[in-house]
Amino acid sequence: MYDGKVVLCGANSYEQKYYLNPDFEQLPSDVKDELKIMCVLYVNDVGGILTLVYEENGDLCFEVTSKEFDPMFDEIGSQLKIKELQREKQDLLEALQMYYKVFFLEN
């Protein structure tokens, strides 16, 4: 179905916007809400742009970018926050990974 990386969702502190890939609209509303809260709180805390991306093998990864020389972006805080999210949201992230592998990856 897909070739290469696939964006699940993301939040942008510069434009104050949240994005959910329309291909994942069928996820349960509580899962979509949890993703939105997680992404928006992340960029509110550390700034920049957070994107949750499925790699070609189905692994779900956090990708972070920021504008060059952005004094408001907290690079160290970003890494710590991602580790915290990976620990606290482990069940959700693993379930999303399994969902993608089952319903979207071609075998």
PDB file of N, CA and C in Angstrom:
ATOM      1  N   MET A   1       0.821  -1.194   0.000  1.00  0.00           N
ATOM      2  CA  MET A   1       0.000   0.000   0.000  1.00  0.00           C
ATOM      3  C   MET A   1       0.864   1.257   0.000  1.00  0.00           C
ATOM      4  N   TYR A   2       1.912   1.251   0.824  1.00  0.00           N
ATOM      5  CA  TYR A   2       2.792   2.412   0.919  1.00  0.00           C
ATOM      6  C   TYR A   2       4.192   2.030   0.500  1.00  0.00           C
ATOM      7  N   ASP A   3       4.926   3.009   0.043  1.00  0.00           N
ATOM      8  CA  ASP A   3       6.321   2.821  -0.303  1.00  0.00           C
ATOM      9  C   ASP A   3       7.122   3.847   0.485  1.00  0.00           C
ATOM     10  N   GLY A   4       7.989   3.408   1.367  1.00  0.00           N
ATOM     11  CA  GLY A   4       8.778   4.333   2.173  1.00  0.00           C
ATOM     12  C   GLY A   4       8.087   4.686   3.475  1.00  0.00           C
ATOM     13  N   LYS A   5       8.523   5.808   4.042  1.00  0.00           N
ATOM     14  CA  LYS A   5       7.983   6.255   5.326  1.00  0.00           C
ATOM     15  C   LYS A   5       6.559   6.778   5.178  1.00  0.00           C
ATOM     16  N   VAL A   6       5.777   6.610   6.255  1.00  0.00           N
ATOM     17  CA  VAL A   6       4.391   7.079   6.267  1.00  0.00           C
ATOM     18  C   VAL A   6       4.160   7.868   7.550  1.00  0.00           C
ATOM     19  N   VAL A   7       3.673   9.089   7.402  1.00  0.00           N
ATOM     20  CA  VAL A   7       3.378   9.927   8.560  1.00  0.00           C
ATOM     21  C   VAL A   7       2.060   9.480   9.185  1.00  0.00           C
ATOM     22  N   LEU A   8       2.081   9.243  10.485  1.00  0.00           N
ATOM     23  CA  LEU A   8       0.860   8.951  11.231  1.00  0.00           C
ATOM     24  C   LEU A   8       0.221  10.265  11.667  1.00  0.00           C
ATOM     25  N   CYS A   9       0.991  11.088  12.364  1.00  0.00           N
ATOM     26  CA  CYS A   9       0.467  12.363  12.844  1.00  0.00           C
ATOM     27  C   CYS A   9       1.629  13.271  13.207  1.00  0.00           C
ATOM     28  N   GLY A  10       1.304  14.520  13.505  1.00  0.00           N
ATOM     29  CA  GLY A  10       2.343  15.451  13.903  1.00  0.00           C
ATOM     30  C   GLY A  10       1.763  16.743  14.424  1.00  0.00           C
ATOM     31  N   ALA A  11       2.614  17.494  15.097  1.00  0.00           N
ATOM     32  CA  ALA A  11       2.217  18.804  15.612  1.00  0.00           C
ATOM     33  C   ALA A  11       3.345  19.787  15.342  1.00  0.00           C
ATOM     34  N   ASN A  12       2.957  21.028  15.096  1.00  0.00           N
ATOM     35  CA  ASN A  12       3.891  22.077  14.716  1.00  0.00           C
ATOM     36  C   ASN A  12       3.707  23.265  15.655  1.00  0.00           C
ATOM     37  N   SER A  13       4.756  23.596  16.420  1.00  0.00           N
ATOM     38  CA  SER A  13       4.645  24.713  17.362  1.00  0.00           C
ATOM     39  C   SER A  13       4.688  26.062  16.652  1.00  0.00           C
ATOM     40  N   TYR A  14       5.263  26.120  15.464  1.00  0.00           N
ATOM     41  CA  TYR A  14       5.381  27.387  14.739  1.00  0.00           C
ATOM     42  C   TYR A  14       4.037  27.822  14.163  1.00  0.00           C
ATOM     43  N   GLU A  15       3.292  26.864  13.634  1.00  0.00           N
ATOM     44  CA  GLU A  15       1.987  27.175  13.036  1.00  0.00           C
ATOM     45  C   GLU A  15       0.833  26.833  13.972  1.00  0.00           C
ATOM     46  N   GLN A  16       1.161  26.259  15.127  1.00  0.00           N
ATOM     47  CA  GLN A  16       0.170  25.824  16.112  1.00  0.00           C
ATOM     48  C   GLN A  16      -0.911  24.964  15.449  1.00  0.00           C
ATOM     49  N   LYS A  17      -0.426  23.909  14.769  1.00  0.00           N
ATOM     50  CA  LYS A  17      -1.334  23.008  14.058  1.00  0.00           C
ATOM     51  C   LYS A  17      -1.024  21.564  14.410  1.00  0.00           C
ATOM     52  N   TYR A  18      -2.062  20.739  14.311  1.00  0.00           N
ATOM     53  CA  TYR A  18      -1.941  19.300  14.492  1.00  0.00           C
ATOM     54  C   TYR A  18      -2.422  18.638  13.208  1.00  0.00           C
ATOM     55  N   TYR A  19      -1.771  17.538  12.831  1.00  0.00           N
ATOM     56  CA  TYR A  19      -2.134  16.825  11.610  1.00  0.00           C
ATOM     57  C   TYR A  19      -2.270  15.343  11.918  1.00  0.00           C
ATOM     58  N   LEU A  20      -3.346  14.737  11.435  1.00  0.00           N
ATOM     59  CA  LEU A  20      -3.520  13.287  11.467  1.00  0.00           C
ATOM     60  C   LEU A  20      -3.710  12.831  10.029  1.00  0.00           C
ATOM     61  N   ASN A  21      -2.886  11.899   9.592  1.00  0.00           N
ATOM     62  CA  ASN A  21      -2.991  11.355   8.245  1.00  0.00           C
ATOM     63  C   ASN A  21      -4.409  10.810   8.052  1.00  0.00           C
ATOM     64  N   PRO A  22      -5.123  11.269   7.015  1.00  0.00           N
ATOM     65  CA  PRO A  22      -6.502  10.817   6.780  1.00  0.00           C
ATOM     66  C   PRO A  22      -6.637   9.298   6.638  1.00  0.00           C
ATOM     67  N   ASP A  23      -5.563   8.613   6.266  1.00  0.00           N
ATOM     68  CA  ASP A  23      -5.611   7.157   6.149  1.00  0.00           C
ATOM     69  C   ASP A  23      -5.804   6.465   7.500  1.00  0.00           C
ATOM     70  N   PHE A  24      -5.629   7.230   8.586  1.00  0.00           N
ATOM     71  CA  PHE A  24      -5.761   6.660   9.925  1.00  0.00           C
ATOM     72  C   PHE A  24      -6.992   7.191  10.655  1.00  0.00           C
ATOM     73  N   GLU A  25      -7.915   7.770   9.917  1.00  0.00           N
ATOM     74  CA  GLU A  25      -9.151   8.293  10.519  1.00  0.00           C
ATOM     75  C   GLU A  25      -9.995   7.193  11.156  1.00  0.00           C
ATOM     76  N   GLN A  26      -9.831   5.948  10.713  1.00  0.00           N
ATOM     77  CA  GLN A  26     -10.631   4.851  11.247  1.00  0.00           C
ATOM     78  C   GLN A  26     -10.141   4.374  12.616  1.00  0.00           C
ATOM     79  N   LEU A  27      -9.043   4.932  13.120  1.00  0.00           N
ATOM     80  CA  LEU A  27      -8.601   4.593  14.475  1.00  0.00           C
ATOM     81  C   LEU A  27      -9.680   4.998  15.474  1.00  0.00           C
ATOM     82  N   PRO A  28      -9.779   4.307  16.592  1.00  0.00           N
ATOM     83  CA  PRO A  28     -10.767   4.701  17.616  1.00  0.00           C
ATOM     84  C   PRO A  28     -10.535   6.142  18.069  1.00  0.00           C
ATOM     85  N   SER A  29     -11.607   6.835  18.381  1.00  0.00           N
ATOM     86  CA  SER A  29     -11.498   8.253  18.736  1.00  0.00           C
ATOM     87  C   SER A  29     -10.629   8.476  19.966  1.00  0.00           C
ATOM     88  N   ASP A  30     -10.638   7.551  20.931  1.00  0.00           N
ATOM     89  CA  ASP A  30      -9.792   7.748  22.107  1.00  0.00           C
ATOM     90  C   ASP A  30      -8.307   7.634  21.754  1.00  0.00           C
ATOM     91  N   VAL A  31      -7.959   6.806  20.785  1.00  0.00           N
ATOM     92  CA  VAL A  31      -6.576   6.697  20.321  1.00  0.00           C
ATOM     93  C   VAL A  31      -6.183   7.972  19.587  1.00  0.00           C
ATOM     94  N   LYS A  32      -7.059   8.458  18.718  1.00  0.00           N
ATOM     95  CA  LYS A  32      -6.771   9.712  18.003  1.00  0.00           C
ATOM     96  C   LYS A  32      -6.624  10.869  18.986  1.00  0.00           C
ATOM     97  N   ASP A  33      -7.477  10.910  20.001  1.00  0.00           N
ATOM     98  CA  ASP A  33      -7.384  11.970  21.012  1.00  0.00           C
ATOM     99  C   ASP A  33      -6.070  11.888  21.776  1.00  0.00           C
ATOM    100  N   GLU A  34      -5.669  10.674  22.135  1.00  0.00           N
ATOM    101  CA  GLU A  34      -4.420  10.499  22.879  1.00  0.00           C
ATOM    102  C   GLU A  34      -3.213  10.911  22.039  1.00  0.00           C
ATOM    103  N   LEU A  35      -3.231  10.589  20.754  1.00  0.00           N
ATOM    104  CA  LEU A  35      -2.153  11.013  19.859  1.00  0.00           C
ATOM    105  C   LEU A  35      -2.088  12.534  19.773  1.00  0.00           C
ATOM    106  N   LYS A  36      -3.248  13.153  19.628  1.00  0.00           N
ATOM    107  CA  LYS A  36      -3.295  14.612  19.521  1.00  0.00           C
ATOM    108  C   LYS A  36      -2.767  15.269  20.792  1.00  0.00           C
ATOM    109  N   ILE A  37      -3.228  14.803  21.928  1.00  0.00           N
ATOM    110  CA  ILE A  37      -2.773  15.367  23.204  1.00  0.00           C
ATOM    111  C   ILE A  37      -1.269  15.187  23.356  1.00  0.00           C
ATOM    112  N   MET A  38      -0.772  14.000  23.055  1.00  0.00           N
ATOM    113  CA  MET A  38       0.651  13.707  23.184  1.00  0.00           C
ATOM    114  C   MET A  38       1.498  14.634  22.309  1.00  0.00           C
ATOM    115  N   CYS A  39       1.117  14.784  21.054  1.00  0.00           N
ATOM    116  CA  CYS A  39       1.889  15.609  20.123  1.00  0.00           C
ATOM    117  C   CYS A  39       1.818  17.094  20.468  1.00  0.00           C
ATOM    118  N   VAL A  40       0.622  17.565  20.771  1.00  0.00           N
ATOM    119  CA  VAL A  40       0.447  18.992  21.062  1.00  0.00           C
ATOM    120  C   VAL A  40       1.165  19.373  22.355  1.00  0.00           C
ATOM    121  N   LEU A  41       1.067  18.543  23.383  1.00  0.00           N
ATOM    122  CA  LEU A  41       1.770  18.842  24.634  1.00  0.00           C
ATOM    123  C   LEU A  41       3.280  18.820  24.434  1.00  0.00           C
ATOM    124  N   TYR A  42       3.757  17.904  23.605  1.00  0.00           N
ATOM    125  CA  TYR A  42       5.191  17.838  23.323  1.00  0.00           C
ATOM    126  C   TYR A  42       5.685  19.157  22.726  1.00  0.00           C
ATOM    127  N   VAL A  43       5.054  19.615  21.643  1.00  0.00           N
ATOM    128  CA  VAL A  43       5.537  20.842  20.997  1.00  0.00           C
ATOM    129  C   VAL A  43       5.288  22.065  21.873  1.00  0.00           C
ATOM    130  N   ASN A  44       4.288  22.005  22.724  1.00  0.00           N
ATOM    131  CA  ASN A  44       4.049  23.102  23.657  1.00  0.00           C
ATOM    132  C   ASN A  44       5.178  23.178  24.689  1.00  0.00           C
ATOM    133  N   ASP A  45       5.684  22.017  25.106  1.00  0.00           N
ATOM    134  CA  ASP A  45       6.754  21.967  26.105  1.00  0.00           C
ATOM    135  C   ASP A  45       8.118  22.333  25.542  1.00  0.00           C
ATOM    136  N   VAL A  46       8.476  21.766  24.384  1.00  0.00           N
ATOM    137  CA  VAL A  46       9.849  21.928  23.890  1.00  0.00           C
ATOM    138  C   VAL A  46       9.957  22.694  22.576  1.00  0.00           C
ATOM    139  N   GLY A  47       8.846  22.925  21.901  1.00  0.00           N
ATOM    140  CA  GLY A  47       8.876  23.651  20.633  1.00  0.00           C
ATOM    141  C   GLY A  47       9.157  22.734  19.460  1.00  0.00           C
ATOM    142  N   GLY A  48       9.367  23.335  18.308  1.00  0.00           N
ATOM    143  CA  GLY A  48       9.696  22.577  17.113  1.00  0.00           C
ATOM    144  C   GLY A  48       8.506  21.879  16.484  1.00  0.00           C
ATOM    145  N   ILE A  49       8.826  20.846  15.727  1.00  0.00           N
ATOM    146  CA  ILE A  49       7.825  20.054  15.012  1.00  0.00           C
ATOM    147  C   ILE A  49       8.055  18.589  15.359  1.00  0.00           C
ATOM    148  N   LEU A  50       7.011  17.933  15.820  1.00  0.00           N
ATOM    149  CA  LEU A  50       7.076  16.506  16.130  1.00  0.00           C
ATOM    150  C   LEU A  50       6.225  15.756  15.123  1.00  0.00           C
ATOM    151  N   THR A  51       6.799  14.707  14.546  1.00  0.00           N
ATOM    152  CA  THR A  51       6.069  13.863  13.608  1.00  0.00           C
ATOM    153  C   THR A  51       6.260  12.410  14.015  1.00  0.00           C
ATOM    154  N   LEU A  52       5.166  11.670  14.087  1.00  0.00           N
ATOM    155  CA  LEU A  52       5.238  10.227  14.312  1.00  0.00           C
ATOM    156  C   LEU A  52       5.164   9.566  12.943  1.00  0.00           C
ATOM    157  N   VAL A  53       6.201   8.796  12.622  1.00  0.00           N
ATOM    158  CA  VAL A  53       6.371   8.253  11.282  1.00  0.00           C
ATOM    159  C   VAL A  53       6.590   6.747  11.342  1.00  0.00           C
ATOM    160  N   TYR A  54       5.909   6.036  10.461  1.00  0.00           N
ATOM    161  CA  TYR A  54       6.164   4.607  10.301  1.00  0.00           C
ATOM    162  C   TYR A  54       7.310   4.433   9.312  1.00  0.00           C
ATOM    163  N   GLU A  55       8.324   3.678   9.725  1.00  0.00           N
ATOM    164  CA  GLU A  55       9.423   3.330   8.827  1.00  0.00           C
ATOM    165  C   GLU A  55       8.930   2.259   7.853  1.00  0.00           C
ATOM    166  N   GLU A  56       9.733   1.943   6.862  1.00  0.00           N
ATOM    167  CA  GLU A  56       9.349   0.947   5.856  1.00  0.00           C
ATOM    168  C   GLU A  56       9.041  -0.417   6.471  1.00  0.00           C
ATOM    169  N   ASN A  57       9.713  -0.751   7.577  1.00  0.00           N
ATOM    170  CA  ASN A  57       9.501  -2.053   8.221  1.00  0.00           C
ATOM    171  C   ASN A  57       8.335  -2.043   9.206  1.00  0.00           C
ATOM    172  N   GLY A  58       7.681  -0.882   9.372  1.00  0.00           N
ATOM    173  CA  GLY A  58       6.530  -0.786  10.259  1.00  0.00           C
ATOM    174  C   GLY A  58       6.824  -0.232  11.634  1.00  0.00           C
ATOM    175  N   ASP A  59       8.097   0.024  11.942  1.00  0.00           N
ATOM    176  CA  ASP A  59       8.435   0.616  13.234  1.00  0.00           C
ATOM    177  C   ASP A  59       7.930   2.054  13.291  1.00  0.00           C
ATOM    178  N   LEU A  60       7.391   2.432  14.437  1.00  0.00           N
ATOM    179  CA  LEU A  60       6.884   3.788  14.642  1.00  0.00           C
ATOM    180  C   LEU A  60       7.974   4.615  15.307  1.00  0.00           C
ATOM    181  N   CYS A  61       8.355   5.717  14.674  1.00  0.00           N
ATOM    182  CA  CYS A  61       9.456   6.543  15.158  1.00  0.00           C
ATOM    183  C   CYS A  61       9.007   7.981  15.393  1.00  0.00           C
ATOM    184  N   PHE A  62       9.693   8.631  16.308  1.00  0.00           N
ATOM    185  CA  PHE A  62       9.496  10.053  16.564  1.00  0.00           C
ATOM    186  C   PHE A  62      10.526  10.811  15.737  1.00  0.00           C
ATOM    187  N   GLU A  63      10.068  11.764  14.934  1.00  0.00           N
ATOM    188  CA  GLU A  63      10.981  12.628  14.189  1.00  0.00           C
ATOM    189  C   GLU A  63      10.751  14.056  14.650  1.00  0.00           C
ATOM    190  N   VAL A  64      11.844  14.732  14.983  1.00  0.00           N
ATOM    191  CA  VAL A  64      11.764  16.091  15.498  1.00  0.00           C
ATOM    192  C   VAL A  64      12.592  17.010  14.618  1.00  0.00           C
ATOM    193  N   THR A  65      12.006  18.132  14.262  1.00  0.00           N
ATOM    194  CA  THR A  65      12.733  19.156  13.521  1.00  0.00           C
ATOM    195  C   THR A  65      12.443  20.505  14.164  1.00  0.00           C
ATOM    196  N   SER A  66      13.316  21.448  13.877  1.00  0.00           N
ATOM    197  CA  SER A  66      13.097  22.812  14.361  1.00  0.00           C
ATOM    198  C   SER A  66      13.711  23.772  13.354  1.00  0.00           C
ATOM    199  N   LYS A  67      13.263  25.000  13.441  1.00  0.00           N
ATOM    200  CA  LYS A  67      13.854  26.017  12.586  1.00  0.00           C
ATOM    201  C   LYS A  67      15.295  26.236  13.031  1.00  0.00           C
ATOM    202  N   GLU A  68      16.147  26.545  12.057  1.00  0.00           N
ATOM    203  CA  GLU A  68      17.550  26.765  12.356  1.00  0.00           C
ATOM    204  C   GLU A  68      17.713  27.928  13.332  1.00  0.00           C
ATOM    205  N   PHE A  69      18.527  27.723  14.332  1.00  0.00           N
ATOM    206  CA  PHE A  69      18.831  28.732  15.356  1.00  0.00           C
ATOM    207  C   PHE A  69      17.589  29.196  16.113  1.00  0.00           C
ATOM    208  N   ASP A  70      16.646  28.294  16.326  1.00  0.00           N
ATOM    209  CA  ASP A  70      15.434  28.625  17.082  1.00  0.00           C
ATOM    210  C   ASP A  70      15.775  28.656  18.573  1.00  0.00           C
ATOM    211  N   PRO A  71      15.763  29.837  19.188  1.00  0.00           N
ATOM    212  CA  PRO A  71      16.125  29.927  20.610  1.00  0.00           C
ATOM    213  C   PRO A  71      15.068  29.312  21.533  1.00  0.00           C
ATOM    214  N   MET A  72      13.862  29.107  21.037  1.00  0.00           N
ATOM    215  CA  MET A  72      12.787  28.558  21.859  1.00  0.00           C
ATOM    216  C   MET A  72      12.773  27.026  21.870  1.00  0.00           C
ATOM    217  N   PHE A  73      13.498  26.401  20.932  1.00  0.00           N
ATOM    218  CA  PHE A  73      13.516  24.943  20.860  1.00  0.00           C
ATOM    219  C   PHE A  73      14.497  24.388  21.883  1.00  0.00           C
ATOM    220  N   ASP A  74      14.039  23.451  22.695  1.00  0.00           N
ATOM    221  CA  ASP A  74      14.839  22.836  23.751  1.00  0.00           C
ATOM    222  C   ASP A  74      15.285  21.451  23.289  1.00  0.00           C
ATOM    223  N   GLU A  75      16.493  21.381  22.723  1.00  0.00           N
ATOM    224  CA  GLU A  75      16.967  20.123  22.141  1.00  0.00           C
ATOM    225  C   GLU A  75      17.153  19.029  23.196  1.00  0.00           C
ATOM    226  N   ILE A  76      17.714  19.382  24.328  1.00  0.00           N
ATOM    227  CA  ILE A  76      17.906  18.400  25.398  1.00  0.00           C
ATOM    228  C   ILE A  76      16.553  17.981  25.966  1.00  0.00           C
ATOM    229  N   GLY A  77      15.690  18.953  26.205  1.00  0.00           N
ATOM    230  CA  GLY A  77      14.345  18.660  26.695  1.00  0.00           C
ATOM    231  C   GLY A  77      13.576  17.788  25.723  1.00  0.00           C
ATOM    232  N   SER A  78      13.831  17.987  24.434  1.00  0.00           N
ATOM    233  CA  SER A  78      13.172  17.201  23.395  1.00  0.00           C
ATOM    234  C   SER A  78      13.516  15.722  23.530  1.00  0.00           C
ATOM    235  N   GLN A  79      14.794  15.431  23.672  1.00  0.00           N
ATOM    236  CA  GLN A  79      15.232  14.040  23.801  1.00  0.00           C
ATOM    237  C   GLN A  79      14.672  13.402  25.071  1.00  0.00           C
ATOM    238  N   LEU A  80      14.682  14.165  26.162  1.00  0.00           N
ATOM    239  CA  LEU A  80      14.147  13.645  27.424  1.00  0.00           C
ATOM    240  C   LEU A  80      12.646  13.393  27.328  1.00  0.00           C
ATOM    241  N   LYS A  81      11.932  14.308  26.679  1.00  0.00           N
ATOM    242  CA  LYS A  81      10.480  14.181  26.541  1.00  0.00           C
ATOM    243  C   LYS A  81      10.129  12.968  25.676  1.00  0.00           C
ATOM    244  N   ILE A  82      10.887  12.734  24.617  1.00  0.00           N
ATOM    245  CA  ILE A  82      10.631  11.573  23.754  1.00  0.00           C
ATOM    246  C   ILE A  82      10.834  10.277  24.537  1.00  0.00           C
ATOM    247  N   LYS A  83      11.910  10.203  25.318  1.00  0.00           N
ATOM    248  CA  LYS A  83      12.143   9.006  26.134  1.00  0.00           C
ATOM    249  C   LYS A  83      11.009   8.806  27.129  1.00  0.00           C
ATOM    250  N   GLU A  84      10.528   9.904  27.713  1.00  0.00           N
ATOM    251  CA  GLU A  84       9.408   9.833  28.652  1.00  0.00           C
ATOM    252  C   GLU A  84       8.146   9.324  27.957  1.00  0.00           C
ATOM    253  N   LEU A  85       7.861   9.862  26.767  1.00  0.00           N
ATOM    254  CA  LEU A  85       6.681   9.427  26.014  1.00  0.00           C
ATOM    255  C   LEU A  85       6.789   7.958  25.614  1.00  0.00           C
ATOM    256  N   GLN A  86       7.969   7.545  25.183  1.00  0.00           N
ATOM    257  CA  GLN A  86       8.156   6.148  24.787  1.00  0.00           C
ATOM    258  C   GLN A  86       7.931   5.206  25.964  1.00  0.00           C
ATOM    259  N   ARG A  87       8.298   5.655  27.157  1.00  0.00           N
ATOM    260  CA  ARG A  87       8.107   4.842  28.352  1.00  0.00           C
ATOM    261  C   ARG A  87       6.640   4.854  28.795  1.00  0.00           C
ATOM    262  N   GLU A  88       6.054   6.055  28.896  1.00  0.00           N
ATOM    263  CA  GLU A  88       4.687   6.196  29.400  1.00  0.00           C
ATOM    264  C   GLU A  88       3.628   5.697  28.415  1.00  0.00           C
ATOM    265  N   LYS A  89       3.891   5.831  27.140  1.00  0.00           N
ATOM    266  CA  LYS A  89       2.915   5.457  26.107  1.00  0.00           C
ATOM    267  C   LYS A  89       3.320   4.182  25.375  1.00  0.00           C
ATOM    268  N   GLN A  90       4.117   3.361  26.016  1.00  0.00           N
ATOM    269  CA  GLN A  90       4.643   2.159  25.371  1.00  0.00           C
ATOM    270  C   GLN A  90       3.541   1.266  24.816  1.00  0.00           C
ATOM    271  N   ASP A  91       2.504   1.025  25.597  1.00  0.00           N
ATOM    272  CA  ASP A  91       1.417   0.152  25.135  1.00  0.00           C
ATOM    273  C   ASP A  91       0.728   0.726  23.901  1.00  0.00           C
ATOM    274  N   LEU A  92       0.436   2.019  23.925  1.00  0.00           N
ATOM    275  CA  LEU A  92      -0.205   2.679  22.784  1.00  0.00           C
ATOM    276  C   LEU A  92       0.685   2.597  21.550  1.00  0.00           C
ATOM    277  N   LEU A  93       1.964   2.925  21.702  1.00  0.00           N
ATOM    278  CA  LEU A  93       2.883   2.934  20.567  1.00  0.00           C
ATOM    279  C   LEU A  93       3.062   1.532  19.981  1.00  0.00           C
ATOM    280  N   GLU A  94       3.147   0.525  20.845  1.00  0.00           N
ATOM    281  CA  GLU A  94       3.266  -0.856  20.356  1.00  0.00           C
ATOM    282  C   GLU A  94       2.000  -1.297  19.635  1.00  0.00           C
ATOM    283  N   ALA A  95       0.840  -0.901  20.155  1.00  0.00           N
ATOM    284  CA  ALA A  95      -0.427  -1.251  19.506  1.00  0.00           C
ATOM    285  C   ALA A  95      -0.540  -0.582  18.139  1.00  0.00           C
ATOM    286  N   LEU A  96      -0.109   0.672  18.034  1.00  0.00           N
ATOM    287  CA  LEU A  96      -0.144   1.381  16.750  1.00  0.00           C
ATOM    288  C   LEU A  96       0.812   0.739  15.747  1.00  0.00           C
ATOM    289  N   GLN A  97       1.952   0.283  16.225  1.00  0.00           N
ATOM    290  CA  GLN A  97       2.910  -0.403  15.365  1.00  0.00           C
ATOM    291  C   GLN A  97       2.314  -1.702  14.828  1.00  0.00           C
ATOM    292  N   MET A  98       1.691  -2.466  15.710  1.00  0.00           N
ATOM    293  CA  MET A  98       1.074  -3.734  15.308  1.00  0.00           C
ATOM    294  C   MET A  98      -0.066  -3.480  14.324  1.00  0.00           C
ATOM    295  N   TYR A  99      -0.875  -2.470  14.601  1.00  0.00           N
ATOM    296  CA  TYR A  99      -1.994  -2.096  13.725  1.00  0.00           C
ATOM    297  C   TYR A  99      -1.480  -1.809  12.312  1.00  0.00           C
ATOM    298  N   TYR A 100      -0.432  -1.018  12.218  1.00  0.00           N
ATOM    299  CA  TYR A 100       0.119  -0.659  10.910  1.00  0.00           C
ATOM    300  C   TYR A 100       0.655  -1.896  10.189  1.00  0.00           C
ATOM    301  N   LYS A 101       1.374  -2.725  10.921  1.00  0.00           N
ATOM    302  CA  LYS A 101       1.957  -3.919  10.300  1.00  0.00           C
ATOM    303  C   LYS A 101       0.875  -4.868   9.785  1.00  0.00           C
ATOM    304  N   VAL A 102      -0.227  -4.979  10.523  1.00  0.00           N
ATOM    305  CA  VAL A 102      -1.301  -5.894  10.131  1.00  0.00           C
ATOM    306  C   VAL A 102      -2.129  -5.337   8.977  1.00  0.00           C
ATOM    307  N   PHE A 103      -2.502  -4.056   9.048  1.00  0.00           N
ATOM    308  CA  PHE A 103      -3.458  -3.507   8.087  1.00  0.00           C
ATOM    309  C   PHE A 103      -2.847  -2.740   6.911  1.00  0.00           C
ATOM    310  N   PHE A 104      -1.579  -2.336   7.004  1.00  0.00           N
ATOM    311  CA  PHE A 104      -1.027  -1.493   5.953  1.00  0.00           C
ATOM    312  C   PHE A 104       0.170  -2.081   5.222  1.00  0.00           C
ATOM    313  N   LEU A 105       0.959  -2.905   5.895  1.00  0.00           N
ATOM    314  CA  LEU A 105       2.133  -3.458   5.221  1.00  0.00           C
ATOM    315  C   LEU A 105       1.738  -4.634   4.352  1.00  0.00           C
ATOM    316  N   GLU A 106       2.295  -4.670   3.177  1.00  0.00           N
ATOM    317  CA  GLU A 106       2.059  -5.801   2.274  1.00  0.00           C
ATOM    318  C   GLU A 106       3.069  -6.889   2.596  1.00  0.00           C
ATOM    319  N   ASN A 107       2.610  -8.081   2.663  1.00  0.00           N
ATOM    320  CA  ASN A 107       3.518  -9.208   2.955  1.00  0.00           C
ATOM    321  C   ASN A 107       3.958  -9.884   1.688  1.00  0.00           C
TER     322      ASN A 107
END
